[in-house]
């Protein structure tokens, strides 16, 4: 996101010589209407800090995204088709993480892949290796 330029700093060199200034937020005290308030605009727009209401661990989110992309890639190979043509199935990683043992996780994934005609053992073993040590992504409690 580009930062607005303040009247003191002037427009950036690459922006051109004499063009209208663009403010991404209303100047302090400005009601959104045009005109007036030139003295207030000299301070520049005030930037308020927003609050993050729900926090997730970015590292875990990134790991989950990479895992989901890997699963899609593997399913396209297993079903020998494009991503859009993969049969409707949902491998719920949180559900797998809730299970007690790798045997029950393996059985659940194999149950989901029952209509796949290619061998799934390598995929299941790799998936279990990848989810080992991952955390469940649950919505944090509000404080």
Protein backbone atom coordinates (compact mmCIF):
# COMPACT_ATOMS: atom_id res chain seq x y z
CA UNK A 1 0.00 0.00 0.00
CA UNK A 2 1.42 3.36 -0.95
CA UNK A 3 1.80 5.95 1.74
CA UNK A 4 0.15 9.31 1.21
CA UNK A 5 2.48 12.22 0.81
CA UNK A 6 2.23 15.11 3.22
CA UNK A 7 2.28 18.74 2.09
CA UNK A 8 5.66 19.23 3.79
CA UNK A 9 7.40 16.42 1.99
CA UNK A 10 5.83 17.06 -1.39
CA UNK A 11 5.11 14.43 -3.99
CA UNK A 12 7.68 11.72 -4.70
CA UNK A 13 10.11 12.50 -7.50
CA UNK A 14 8.65 9.87 -9.83
CA UNK A 15 5.09 11.14 -9.40
CA UNK A 16 5.41 14.13 -11.72
CA UNK A 17 5.63 17.85 -11.15
CA UNK A 18 2.24 19.48 -10.62
CA UNK A 19 -0.55 17.01 -10.00
CA UNK A 20 -3.29 16.88 -7.42
CA UNK A 21 -2.37 15.34 -4.10
CA UNK A 22 -4.09 12.12 -3.15
CA UNK A 23 -4.95 11.38 0.45
CA UNK A 24 -5.93 7.83 1.35
CA UNK A 25 -7.62 8.95 4.56
CA UNK A 26 -9.60 12.08 5.37
CA UNK A 27 -7.43 14.81 6.88
CA UNK A 28 -7.96 15.44 10.61
CA UNK A 29 -11.21 17.33 11.14
CA UNK A 30 -12.16 16.94 7.49
CA UNK A 31 -15.63 15.56 7.00
CA UNK A 32 -14.93 14.11 3.58
CA UNK A 33 -16.16 17.23 1.80
CA UNK A 34 -13.89 19.14 -0.53
CA UNK A 35 -12.67 22.60 0.30
CA UNK A 36 -11.53 24.45 3.39
CA UNK A 37 -9.33 23.01 6.08
CA UNK A 38 -6.02 23.84 4.38
CA UNK A 39 -4.41 24.64 7.74
CA UNK A 40 -5.39 21.21 9.08
CA UNK A 41 -4.04 19.42 6.03
CA UNK A 42 -0.55 20.80 6.67
CA UNK A 43 -0.21 18.32 9.54
CA UNK A 44 -0.80 15.49 7.11
CA UNK A 45 -3.31 12.70 7.57
CA UNK A 46 -3.39 11.04 10.96
CA UNK A 47 -2.91 7.29 10.87
CA UNK A 48 -4.78 5.34 13.51
CA UNK A 49 -3.48 1.97 14.57
CA UNK A 50 -5.99 -0.85 14.17
CA UNK A 51 -6.33 -3.70 16.61
CA UNK A 52 -5.85 -7.29 15.65
CA UNK A 53 -8.80 -9.14 17.13
CA UNK A 54 -7.79 -12.70 16.30
CA UNK A 55 -4.18 -13.78 16.19
CA UNK A 56 -2.81 -16.87 14.53
CA UNK A 57 0.75 -18.07 14.45
CA UNK A 58 1.95 -17.07 10.97
CA UNK A 59 4.47 -19.87 10.87
CA UNK A 60 1.76 -22.46 11.50
CA UNK A 61 -0.49 -20.86 8.88
CA UNK A 62 2.33 -20.95 6.34
CA UNK A 63 3.06 -24.60 7.14
CA UNK A 64 -0.64 -25.44 6.76
CA UNK A 65 -0.84 -23.61 3.42
CA UNK A 66 2.20 -25.48 2.09
CA UNK A 67 0.71 -28.76 3.30
CA UNK A 68 -2.62 -28.07 1.59
CA UNK A 69 -0.85 -27.16 -1.66
CA UNK A 70 1.21 -30.35 -1.43
CA UNK A 71 -1.96 -32.42 -0.80
CA UNK A 72 -3.63 -30.92 -3.89
CA UNK A 73 -0.53 -31.61 -5.97
CA UNK A 74 -0.40 -35.22 -4.78
CA UNK A 75 -4.12 -35.77 -5.36
CA UNK A 76 -3.82 -34.55 -8.96
CA UNK A 77 -1.11 -37.18 -9.46
CA UNK A 78 -3.04 -39.93 -7.66
CA UNK A 79 -6.26 -39.28 -9.55
CA UNK A 80 -4.38 -38.47 -12.76
CA UNK A 81 -6.43 -35.34 -13.44
CA UNK A 82 -6.51 -31.56 -13.06
CA UNK A 83 -7.23 -29.96 -9.68
CA UNK A 84 -10.80 -29.08 -10.72
CA UNK A 85 -11.51 -32.71 -11.65
CA UNK A 86 -10.44 -34.28 -8.34
CA UNK A 87 -13.40 -36.08 -6.72
CA UNK A 88 -14.95 -34.11 -3.88
CA UNK A 89 -13.11 -35.18 -0.75
CA UNK A 90 -11.85 -33.31 2.25
CA UNK A 91 -8.75 -34.31 4.12
CA UNK A 92 -9.26 -32.46 7.40
CA UNK A 93 -5.83 -32.00 8.95
CA UNK A 94 -7.30 -30.89 12.29
CA UNK A 95 -9.39 -34.07 12.40
CA UNK A 96 -6.25 -36.13 11.74
CA UNK A 97 -4.35 -34.27 14.46
CA UNK A 98 -7.14 -35.06 16.94
CA UNK A 99 -6.74 -38.80 16.37
CA UNK A 100 -4.78 -40.87 18.87
CA UNK A 101 -2.46 -42.84 16.61
CA UNK A 102 -0.87 -42.91 13.18
CA UNK A 103 -2.76 -46.12 12.50
CA UNK A 104 -6.13 -44.40 12.95
CA UNK A 105 -4.94 -41.41 10.88
CA UNK A 106 -3.75 -43.73 8.13
CA UNK A 107 -7.05 -45.65 8.14
CA UNK A 108 -9.02 -42.38 7.89
CA UNK A 109 -7.01 -41.09 4.91
CA UNK A 110 -7.25 -44.46 3.14
CA UNK A 111 -11.00 -44.41 3.75
CA UNK A 112 -11.20 -41.01 2.04
CA UNK A 113 -9.14 -42.28 -0.92
CA UNK A 114 -11.13 -45.50 -1.37
CA UNK A 115 -12.07 -44.70 -4.98
CA UNK A 116 -8.48 -43.92 -6.03
CA UNK A 117 -7.19 -46.62 -8.37
CA UNK A 118 -3.49 -45.86 -7.82
CA UNK A 119 -1.57 -47.04 -4.74
CA UNK A 120 -1.94 -44.55 -1.88
CA UNK A 121 0.47 -45.96 0.70
CA UNK A 122 3.33 -43.59 -0.14
CA UNK A 123 1.00 -40.57 -0.09
CA UNK A 124 -0.47 -41.59 3.27
CA UNK A 125 2.97 -42.17 4.82
CA UNK A 126 4.28 -38.83 3.51
CA UNK A 127 1.16 -37.02 4.76
CA UNK A 128 1.54 -38.49 8.23
CA UNK A 129 5.21 -37.44 8.27
CA UNK A 130 4.26 -33.91 7.25
CA UNK A 131 1.53 -33.44 9.86
CA UNK A 132 3.66 -34.85 12.67
CA UNK A 133 4.43 -31.98 15.03
CA UNK A 134 1.87 -29.61 13.51
CA UNK A 135 -0.57 -27.77 15.72
CA UNK A 136 -4.30 -27.71 15.35
CA UNK A 137 -5.60 -24.42 13.92
CA UNK A 138 -8.39 -23.47 16.23
CA UNK A 139 -9.75 -19.97 16.75
CA UNK A 140 -8.09 -18.42 19.80
CA UNK A 141 -10.35 -17.40 22.66
CA UNK A 142 -11.15 -13.67 22.93
CA UNK A 143 -9.74 -12.06 26.03
